Amino acid sequence: MNRIYFFFLTVAVISCSTDSSENLDGGTTDTDIDTDIDTDTDTDTDADTDTDTDTDTDPVECNLGEYSGSFTIGAQSDIEILAGYTSISGRLIVDCPSCADLNGLICLTSVGEDLLIGDNGTLTNLDGLSALTSVGEYLNIYDNPTLTNLDGLGALTSVSWGLWIEDNEVLTNINGLGALTSVGWHLHIEGNPTLTNLDGLSGITTAAGYLSISRNAVLTNLDGLSALVFLGDGLYVDHNPALTNLTGLSALTSVGGDLLIYTNDALVSLTGLSALTFVGGTLQISNNDALTSLTGLGAPASVGGNLEIINTALTNLDGLNALTSIGGIMAIYHNDALTNLDGLNGITSVGELSIWSNAVLTNLDGLGALTSIGPGLSITSNYTLPDCEACDLLDQLTSVPASIIVHDNIDDSCAPVPTNCP
């Protein structure tokens, strides 16, 4: 009944409007009526549009607190299950070949254990993790063939155990890690063929474990590590064919474990290690084909493990002048351009000594301060080195090693014959 009443009331109003128009304007009635109707229609359309838009963009409400346990995301729909949670007590695994984004995780601020992001075939970014500030154990980002950057991790400040970034084919930078100041244990960057720099690591000063930079085909420098001062374990820099220098490590003073720098084809200088004063394990510099000098290595007084020098273009050992003792084996071999050992003139004791296959080595004068060798000495296959050099070295020792091997050097006649000549 009300609708009928409204209908007649509307007709009456229009009739009045028509009459008024005829009285005032004479012939403009249609125009006024059309205008009113058009206006009503536009108003309805706007109202509908606004309502739909608001519904589609409603934000996720971050009010679910902690998700108890671990969770694996294997499909896009799994992400929606975690929408609204601010933390996860256990491990979060993102192994989703078809996931386009992680936007449903926008509330997540912490992961109690590991965060593993791997084998995601279509994931191009990590923007859905923009609220994440901490990971309780390891953060591993691996085998993501379409991931181009880590910008979505811009709020991350702490990874308690270790950070692994490995085998991401189109990852060009890790700038998104710029807020990261603490990595509790290991830092591992390996097999990222388009990664050009490590600038996103500029806030890290220490790591209790090791740092490994390996198999990054176009990485030219380590400048992103310029704040790193201390490593509790080893430093491994290997198989980075475009790396030319180590200047990014200029603040590093201590390596608790092994320091291994090998198979970096374009490396021409060790200048970036000039602040280094301590190596607790083995110091190995090997198979860096363009390296001609060890100058810039810093001033470590001792090496707790072995000292291994194997570089075909190396002409001298001058960067080792501060060394006084080697806890393990000192091995100098396959240095095809090395003519002398003068850079070792401060060394007084080694665990064992092995010098072999140095094609143009002519003397051992650089070992003039050496007085103690452990159980073994081997000097072999140095085709321009007289045997008498080995005999003279034995005579300066305070005790003769139990094992002495000297052969395939120049077979000369020592005069007078040294006491300990084999």
Protein backbone atom coordinates (compact mmCIF):
# COMPACT_ATOMS: atom_id res chain seq x y z
CA MET A 1 0.00 0.00 0.00
CA ASN A 2 2.88 2.37 0.85
CA ARG A 3 4.57 1.69 -2.49
CA ILE A 4 1.31 2.64 -4.37
CA TYR A 5 1.07 5.80 -2.34
CA PHE A 6 4.72 6.68 -3.11
CA PHE A 7 4.14 6.07 -6.80
CA PHE A 8 1.19 8.46 -6.99
CA LEU A 9 3.06 11.00 -4.92
CA THR A 10 6.02 10.86 -7.31
CA VAL A 11 3.74 11.29 -10.36
CA ALA A 12 2.12 14.24 -8.71
CA VAL A 13 5.47 15.87 -8.05
CA ILE A 14 6.56 15.38 -11.65
CA SER A 15 3.26 16.80 -12.88
CA CYS A 16 3.76 19.86 -10.77
CA SER A 17 7.28 20.26 -12.07
CA THR A 18 5.99 20.00 -15.63
CA ASP A 19 3.35 22.56 -15.12
CA SER A 20 5.81 24.91 -13.53
CA SER A 21 8.20 24.53 -16.45
CA GLU A 22 5.47 25.23 -18.97
CA ASN A 23 4.44 28.35 -17.12
CA LEU A 24 7.97 29.72 -16.79
CA ASP A 25 9.92 28.52 -19.82
CA GLY A 26 7.46 27.31 -22.37
CA GLY A 27 8.80 24.21 -24.18
CA THR A 28 11.65 23.21 -21.85
CA THR A 29 9.70 20.56 -20.02
CA ASP A 30 11.44 17.50 -21.54
CA THR A 31 14.88 18.84 -20.87
CA ASP A 32 14.20 19.36 -17.16
CA ILE A 33 12.64 15.97 -16.71
CA ASP A 34 15.51 14.17 -18.48
CA THR A 35 18.04 15.98 -16.36
CA ASP A 36 16.43 14.86 -13.14
CA ILE A 37 16.32 11.25 -14.24
CA ASP A 38 19.97 11.23 -15.42
CA THR A 39 21.11 12.65 -12.13
CA ASP A 40 19.35 9.94 -10.16
CA THR A 41 20.91 7.24 -12.30
CA ASP A 42 24.43 8.62 -11.81
CA THR A 43 23.95 8.73 -8.06
CA ASP A 44 22.96 5.07 -7.93
CA THR A 45 25.97 4.04 -10.01
CA ASP A 46 28.39 5.89 -7.76
CA ALA A 47 26.95 4.31 -4.65
CA ASP A 48 27.28 0.81 -6.09
CA THR A 49 30.86 1.39 -7.19
CA ASP A 50 31.95 2.72 -3.80
CA THR A 51 30.41 -0.20 -1.98
CA ASP A 52 32.18 -2.82 -4.14
CA THR A 53 35.57 -1.13 -3.90
CA ASP A 54 35.48 -0.93 -0.10
CA THR A 55 34.65 -4.59 0.17
CA ASP A 56 37.57 -5.70 -2.06
CA THR A 57 40.26 -3.71 -0.22
CA ASP A 58 39.40 -4.55 3.37
CA PRO A 59 42.76 -5.01 5.15
CA VAL A 60 43.70 -8.19 6.99
CA GLU A 61 43.01 -7.78 10.69
CA CYS A 62 46.13 -8.75 12.66
CA ASN A 63 44.27 -10.01 15.70
CA LEU A 64 44.91 -13.77 15.85
CA GLY A 65 48.13 -13.69 17.88
CA GLU A 66 50.47 -16.68 17.68
CA TYR A 67 50.00 -19.75 15.54
CA SER A 68 51.09 -22.70 17.68
CA GLY A 69 53.37 -25.22 15.95
CA SER A 70 54.86 -25.41 12.48
CA PHE A 71 53.18 -24.80 9.13
CA THR A 72 53.90 -25.64 5.48
CA ILE A 73 52.56 -23.54 2.63
CA GLY A 74 52.12 -25.76 -0.42
CA ALA A 75 49.34 -23.85 -2.19
CA GLN A 76 48.05 -20.28 -2.39
CA SER A 77 45.03 -21.23 -0.28
CA ASP A 78 47.34 -22.26 2.59
CA ILE A 79 48.48 -18.67 2.96
CA GLU A 80 44.96 -17.55 3.80
CA ILE A 81 44.91 -19.94 6.77
CA LEU A 82 47.70 -17.89 8.37
CA ALA A 83 46.12 -14.53 7.55
CA GLY A 84 45.80 -12.49 10.74
CA TYR A 85 48.45 -14.34 12.76
CA THR A 86 51.32 -12.18 14.03
CA SER A 87 53.73 -14.99 14.90
CA ILE A 88 54.41 -18.70 14.48
CA SER A 89 55.93 -20.65 17.35
CA GLY A 90 57.55 -23.33 15.17
CA ARG A 91 58.92 -23.61 11.64
CA LEU A 92 57.39 -21.99 8.55
CA ILE A 93 58.08 -23.67 5.21
CA VAL A 94 57.10 -21.97 1.97
CA ASP A 95 57.38 -24.66 -0.71
CA CYS A 96 54.72 -23.64 -3.19
CA PRO A 97 55.40 -24.07 -6.93
CA SER A 98 52.22 -22.17 -7.87
CA CYS A 99 52.18 -19.33 -5.31
CA ALA A 100 52.15 -15.90 -6.92
CA ASP A 101 52.60 -13.92 -3.71
CA LEU A 102 52.75 -14.14 0.10
CA ASN A 103 50.44 -11.19 0.74
CA GLY A 104 48.31 -13.09 3.24
CA LEU A 105 51.28 -13.14 5.66
CA ILE A 106 51.28 -9.37 6.03
CA CYS A 107 50.68 -9.58 9.80
CA LEU A 108 53.56 -11.94 10.54
CA THR A 109 56.29 -10.35 12.68
CA SER A 110 58.22 -13.38 13.96
CA VAL A 111 58.95 -17.05 13.27
CA GLY A 112 60.07 -19.02 16.31
CA GLU A 113 62.19 -21.59 14.47
CA ASP A 114 63.31 -21.89 10.82
CA LEU A 115 61.86 -19.92 7.94
CA LEU A 116 62.50 -21.92 4.77
CA ILE A 117 61.54 -20.40 1.41
CA GLY A 118 62.41 -22.76 -1.41
CA ASP A 119 61.30 -24.36 -4.68
CA ASN A 120 58.73 -21.65 -5.42
CA GLY A 121 58.46 -21.66 -9.20
CA THR A 122 56.41 -18.48 -9.72
CA LEU A 123 57.23 -16.34 -6.68
CA THR A 124 58.83 -13.04 -7.75
CA ASN A 125 58.99 -11.21 -4.43
CA LEU A 126 58.60 -11.58 -0.65
CA ASP A 127 56.48 -8.47 -0.13
CA GLY A 128 54.00 -10.35 2.04
CA LEU A 129 56.69 -10.63 4.74
CA SER A 130 57.11 -6.88 5.12
CA ALA A 131 56.26 -6.96 8.84
CA LEU A 132 58.73 -9.74 9.72
CA THR A 133 61.38 -8.60 12.22
CA SER A 134 62.92 -11.82 13.58
CA VAL A 135 63.60 -15.48 12.79
CA GLY A 136 64.43 -17.73 15.74
CA GLU A 137 66.67 -20.20 13.90
CA TYR A 138 67.67 -20.36 10.21
CA LEU A 139 66.40 -18.24 7.34
CA ASN A 140 66.95 -20.21 4.12
CA ILE A 141 66.03 -18.77 0.73
CA TYR A 142 66.88 -21.28 -1.97
CA ASP A 143 65.94 -22.58 -5.43
CA ASN A 144 63.45 -19.83 -6.28
CA PRO A 145 63.88 -19.43 -10.07
CA THR A 146 61.76 -16.26 -10.46
CA LEU A 147 62.69 -14.38 -7.28
CA THR A 148 64.40 -11.11 -8.25
CA ASN A 149 64.85 -9.34 -4.91
CA LEU A 150 64.39 -9.60 -1.14
CA ASP A 151 62.81 -6.17 -0.66
CA GLY A 152 59.92 -7.68 1.27
CA LEU A 153 62.29 -8.42 4.18
CA GLY A 154 63.01 -4.77 4.84
CA ALA A 155 61.90 -4.94 8.50
CA LEU A 156 64.01 -7.99 9.39
CA THR A 157 66.62 -7.16 12.04
CA SER A 158 67.59 -10.51 13.57
CA VAL A 159 68.25 -14.10 12.44
CA SER A 160 69.30 -16.09 15.49
CA TRP A 161 71.12 -19.01 13.87
CA GLY A 162 72.00 -18.45 10.25
CA LEU A 163 71.15 -16.95 6.86
CA TRP A 164 71.36 -19.03 3.67
CA ILE A 165 70.73 -17.55 0.23
CA GLU A 166 71.43 -20.21 -2.36
CA ASP A 167 70.67 -21.07 -6.00
CA ASN A 168 68.22 -18.27 -6.84
CA GLU A 169 68.66 -17.88 -10.61
CA VAL A 170 67.49 -14.28 -11.18
CA LEU A 171 68.20 -12.72 -7.77
CA THR A 172 70.14 -9.56 -8.65
CA ASN A 173 70.45 -7.97 -5.22
CA ILE A 174 69.78 -8.57 -1.52
CA ASN A 175 69.23 -4.93 -0.61
CA GLY A 176 66.06 -5.89 1.24
CA LEU A 177 68.21 -7.19 4.11
CA GLY A 178 69.52 -3.71 4.88
CA ALA A 179 67.96 -3.63 8.37
CA LEU A 180 69.61 -6.90 9.41
CA THR A 181 72.14 -6.32 12.17
CA SER A 182 72.56 -9.76 13.73
CA VAL A 183 73.22 -13.24 12.36
CA GLY A 184 73.83 -15.56 15.27
CA TRP A 185 75.76 -18.26 13.49
CA HIS A 186 76.32 -18.86 9.77
CA LEU A 187 76.07 -16.55 6.77
CA HIS A 188 76.03 -18.43 3.46
CA ILE A 189 75.65 -16.83 0.01
CA GLU A 190 76.10 -19.41 -2.74
CA GLY A 191 75.14 -20.17 -6.33
CA ASN A 192 73.24 -16.99 -7.21
CA PRO A 193 74.33 -16.46 -10.84
CA THR A 194 72.96 -12.90 -11.30
CA LEU A 195 73.86 -11.46 -7.88
CA THR A 196 76.16 -8.47 -8.43
CA ASN A 197 76.75 -7.22 -4.87
CA LEU A 198 76.17 -7.90 -1.16
CA ASP A 199 75.08 -4.39 -0.23
CA GLY A 200 72.13 -5.64 1.82
CA LEU A 201 74.51 -7.05 4.45
CA SER A 202 76.06 -3.73 5.39
CA GLY A 203 74.59 -3.75 8.92
CA ILE A 204 76.15 -7.05 10.04
CA THR A 205 79.17 -6.66 12.33
CA THR A 206 79.68 -10.17 13.72
CA ALA A 207 78.76 -13.79 13.12
CA ALA A 208 79.51 -16.53 15.63
CA GLY A 209 79.86 -19.11 12.88
CA TYR A 210 81.25 -18.96 9.35
CA LEU A 211 80.82 -16.73 6.30
CA SER A 212 80.76 -18.45 2.91
CA ILE A 213 80.66 -16.58 -0.41
CA SER A 214 80.70 -19.19 -3.16
CA ARG A 215 79.74 -19.75 -6.82
CA ASN A 216 78.27 -16.32 -7.52
CA ALA A 217 79.12 -15.85 -11.18
CA VAL A 218 78.90 -12.04 -11.55
CA LEU A 219 79.75 -10.91 -8.04
CA THR A 220 82.54 -8.33 -8.45
CA ASN A 221 83.12 -7.14 -4.88
CA LEU A 222 82.33 -7.77 -1.20
CA ASP A 223 81.68 -4.13 -0.31
CA GLY A 224 78.42 -4.99 1.43
CA LEU A 225 80.41 -6.63 4.23
CA SER A 226 82.24 -3.44 5.17
CA ALA A 227 80.96 -3.48 8.78
CA LEU A 228 81.99 -7.07 9.51
CA VAL A 229 84.61 -7.20 12.29
CA PHE A 230 84.55 -10.71 13.72
CA LEU A 231 83.87 -14.29 12.59
CA GLY A 232 83.78 -16.99 15.24
CA ASP A 233 84.43 -19.70 12.67
CA GLY A 234 85.70 -19.70 9.09
CA LEU A 235 85.71 -17.41 6.06
CA TYR A 236 85.34 -19.12 2.69
CA VAL A 237 85.54 -17.14 -0.54
CA ASP A 238 85.64 -19.45 -3.55
CA HIS A 239 84.54 -19.97 -7.14
CA ASN A 240 83.49 -16.36 -7.75
CA PRO A 241 84.94 -15.83 -11.25
CA ALA A 242 84.23 -12.06 -11.47
CA LEU A 243 85.53 -11.13 -8.00
CA THR A 244 88.52 -8.81 -8.36
CA ASN A 245 89.26 -7.74 -4.78
CA LEU A 246 88.37 -8.21 -1.12
CA THR A 247 88.15 -4.54 -0.12
CA GLY A 248 84.72 -5.10 1.44
CA LEU A 249 86.39 -7.02 4.27
CA SER A 250 88.52 -4.07 5.38
CA ALA A 251 87.10 -4.04 8.94
CA LEU A 252 87.60 -7.76 9.58
CA THR A 253 90.15 -8.37 12.34
CA SER A 254 89.57 -11.97 13.45
CA VAL A 255 88.66 -15.30 11.84
CA GLY A 256 88.25 -18.00 14.45
CA GLY A 257 88.37 -20.93 12.04
CA ASP A 258 89.77 -21.48 8.55
CA LEU A 259 90.38 -18.67 6.06
CA LEU A 260 90.08 -20.18 2.59
CA ILE A 261 90.35 -18.05 -0.55
CA TYR A 262 90.46 -20.20 -3.64
CA THR A 263 89.46 -20.50 -7.30
CA ASN A 264 88.51 -16.87 -7.84
CA ASP A 265 89.82 -16.43 -11.37
CA ALA A 266 89.83 -12.62 -11.52
CA LEU A 267 91.13 -11.92 -8.01
CA VAL A 268 94.22 -9.69 -8.26
CA SER A 269 94.62 -8.43 -4.69
CA LEU A 270 94.12 -9.33 -1.02
CA THR A 271 94.16 -5.69 0.05
CA GLY A 272 90.77 -5.93 1.75
CA LEU A 273 92.23 -8.13 4.50
CA SER A 274 94.61 -5.46 5.76
CA ALA A 275 93.04 -5.31 9.26
CA LEU A 276 93.26 -9.06 9.86
CA THR A 277 95.31 -10.01 12.93
CA PHE A 278 94.12 -13.52 13.82
CA VAL A 279 93.42 -16.80 11.96
CA GLY A 280 92.56 -19.68 14.26
CA GLY A 281 92.49 -22.46 11.68
CA THR A 282 94.00 -23.02 8.25
CA LEU A 283 95.02 -20.17 5.95
CA GLN A 284 94.68 -21.32 2.35
CA ILE A 285 95.17 -19.10 -0.68
CA SER A 286 95.03 -21.26 -3.76
CA ASN A 287 94.13 -21.46 -7.45
CA ASN A 288 93.51 -17.75 -7.90
CA ASP A 289 95.01 -17.55 -11.36
CA ALA A 290 95.40 -13.74 -11.56
CA LEU A 291 96.87 -13.26 -8.09
CA THR A 292 100.51 -12.15 -8.25
CA SER A 293 101.05 -10.94 -4.67
CA LEU A 294 99.78 -11.56 -1.13
CA THR A 295 100.34 -7.93 -0.15
CA GLY A 296 97.42 -6.58 1.87
CA LEU A 297 96.82 -9.74 3.86
CA GLY A 298 97.18 -7.87 7.16
CA ALA A 299 99.37 -8.93 10.06
CA PRO A 300 98.35 -12.26 11.58
CA ALA A 301 101.25 -13.35 13.80
CA SER A 302 100.23 -16.99 13.76
CA VAL A 303 98.07 -19.51 11.96
CA GLY A 304 96.58 -22.22 14.15
CA GLY A 305 96.18 -24.75 11.34
CA ASN A 306 97.92 -25.18 8.01
CA LEU A 307 99.34 -22.55 5.67
CA GLU A 308 98.72 -23.52 2.05
CA ILE A 309 99.88 -21.34 -0.85
CA ILE A 310 99.14 -22.58 -4.40
CA ASN A 311 98.79 -19.89 -7.12
CA THR A 312 100.33 -20.20 -10.57
CA ALA A 313 100.95 -16.44 -11.11
CA LEU A 314 102.25 -15.65 -7.62
CA THR A 315 105.73 -14.10 -7.75
CA ASN A 316 106.42 -13.48 -4.04
CA LEU A 317 105.08 -14.11 -0.52
CA ASP A 318 105.54 -10.59 0.81
CA GLY A 319 102.11 -10.37 2.45
CA LEU A 320 103.08 -13.02 5.01
CA ASN A 321 105.88 -11.05 6.66
CA ALA A 322 104.18 -10.79 10.05
CA LEU A 323 103.82 -14.56 10.52
CA THR A 324 105.98 -16.16 13.19
CA SER A 325 104.43 -19.62 13.65
CA ILE A 326 102.31 -22.20 11.84
CA GLY A 327 100.55 -24.76 14.00
CA GLY A 328 100.08 -27.32 11.22
CA ILE A 329 101.70 -27.97 7.84
CA MET A 330 103.23 -25.17 5.83
CA ALA A 331 102.70 -26.24 2.22
CA ILE A 332 104.09 -24.18 -0.66
CA TYR A 333 103.49 -25.90 -4.00
CA HIS A 334 102.54 -25.43 -7.66
CA ASN A 335 103.50 -21.76 -7.65
CA ASP A 336 104.95 -21.63 -11.16
CA ALA A 337 106.20 -18.02 -10.97
CA LEU A 338 107.56 -18.04 -7.41
CA THR A 339 111.34 -17.48 -7.26
CA ASN A 340 111.91 -17.10 -3.50
CA LEU A 341 110.29 -17.42 -0.06
CA ASP A 342 111.41 -14.07 1.32
CA GLY A 343 107.97 -13.20 2.71
CA LEU A 344 108.33 -16.01 5.26
CA ASN A 345 111.37 -14.50 6.96
CA GLY A 346 109.62 -14.06 10.33
CA ILE A 347 108.56 -17.68 10.78
CA THR A 348 110.41 -19.54 13.54
CA SER A 349 108.34 -22.73 13.86
CA VAL A 350 106.03 -24.92 11.78
CA GLY A 351 104.25 -28.20 12.46
CA GLU A 352 105.59 -29.71 9.22
CA LEU A 353 107.15 -28.30 6.05
CA SER A 354 106.32 -29.27 2.48
CA ILE A 355 107.79 -27.43 -0.53
CA TRP A 356 107.24 -29.04 -3.91
CA SER A 357 106.68 -28.40 -7.61
CA ASN A 358 107.62 -24.73 -7.66
CA ALA A 359 109.11 -24.53 -11.14
CA VAL A 360 111.41 -21.47 -10.76
CA LEU A 361 112.18 -21.47 -7.02
CA THR A 362 115.94 -21.04 -6.67
CA ASN A 363 116.58 -20.69 -2.92
CA LEU A 364 115.15 -21.06 0.59
CA ASP A 365 116.72 -17.92 2.03
CA GLY A 366 113.33 -16.69 3.19
CA LEU A 367 113.30 -19.43 5.83
CA GLY A 368 116.37 -18.07 7.59
CA ALA A 369 114.57 -17.62 10.94
CA LEU A 370 113.09 -21.12 10.99
CA THR A 371 114.47 -23.19 13.87
CA SER A 372 111.74 -25.72 14.58
CA ILE A 373 109.95 -28.19 12.31
CA GLY A 374 107.69 -30.91 13.67
CA PRO A 375 107.89 -34.54 12.58
CA GLY A 376 108.23 -34.10 8.82
CA LEU A 377 110.10 -32.18 6.11
CA SER A 378 109.56 -32.67 2.36
CA ILE A 379 111.29 -30.67 -0.38
CA THR A 380 110.74 -32.25 -3.77
CA SER A 381 110.35 -31.59 -7.50
CA ASN A 382 111.57 -27.99 -7.46
CA TYR A 383 113.62 -28.23 -10.63
CA THR A 384 115.67 -25.06 -10.18
CA LEU A 385 116.31 -25.48 -6.43
CA PRO A 386 119.66 -27.04 -5.41
CA ASP A 387 119.47 -29.91 -2.91
CA CYS A 388 122.05 -28.08 -0.85
CA GLU A 389 119.39 -25.50 0.04
CA ALA A 390 117.49 -28.24 1.88
CA CYS A 391 120.68 -29.38 3.58
CA ASP A 392 121.47 -25.86 4.78
CA LEU A 393 117.94 -25.55 6.17
CA LEU A 394 118.34 -28.75 8.16
CA ASP A 395 121.57 -27.49 9.69
CA GLN A 396 119.87 -24.40 11.18
CA LEU A 397 117.19 -26.40 13.03
CA THR A 398 117.40 -27.07 16.76
CA SER A 399 116.21 -30.64 16.18
CA VAL A 400 116.07 -32.83 13.08
CA PRO A 401 112.61 -34.00 11.92
CA ALA A 402 111.90 -37.72 12.10
CA SER A 403 110.93 -37.83 8.41
CA ILE A 404 113.09 -36.09 5.79
CA ILE A 405 112.29 -36.37 2.07
CA VAL A 406 114.49 -34.46 -0.39
CA HIS A 407 114.56 -35.45 -4.08
CA ASP A 408 114.01 -34.34 -7.68
CA ASN A 409 115.52 -30.92 -7.11
CA ILE A 410 118.84 -29.95 -8.73
CA ASP A 411 121.21 -32.74 -7.72
CA ASP A 412 124.25 -30.64 -6.87
CA SER A 413 127.28 -31.35 -4.70
CA CYS A 414 127.39 -29.42 -1.48
CA ALA A 415 130.81 -28.21 -0.40
CA PRO A 416 131.34 -28.55 2.42
CA VAL A 417 128.66 -31.19 2.99
CA PRO A 418 126.16 -29.97 5.63
CA THR A 419 125.92 -32.12 8.73
CA ASN A 420 122.30 -33.10 8.20
CA CYS A 421 122.29 -33.52 4.43
CA PRO A 422 120.25 -36.63 3.55
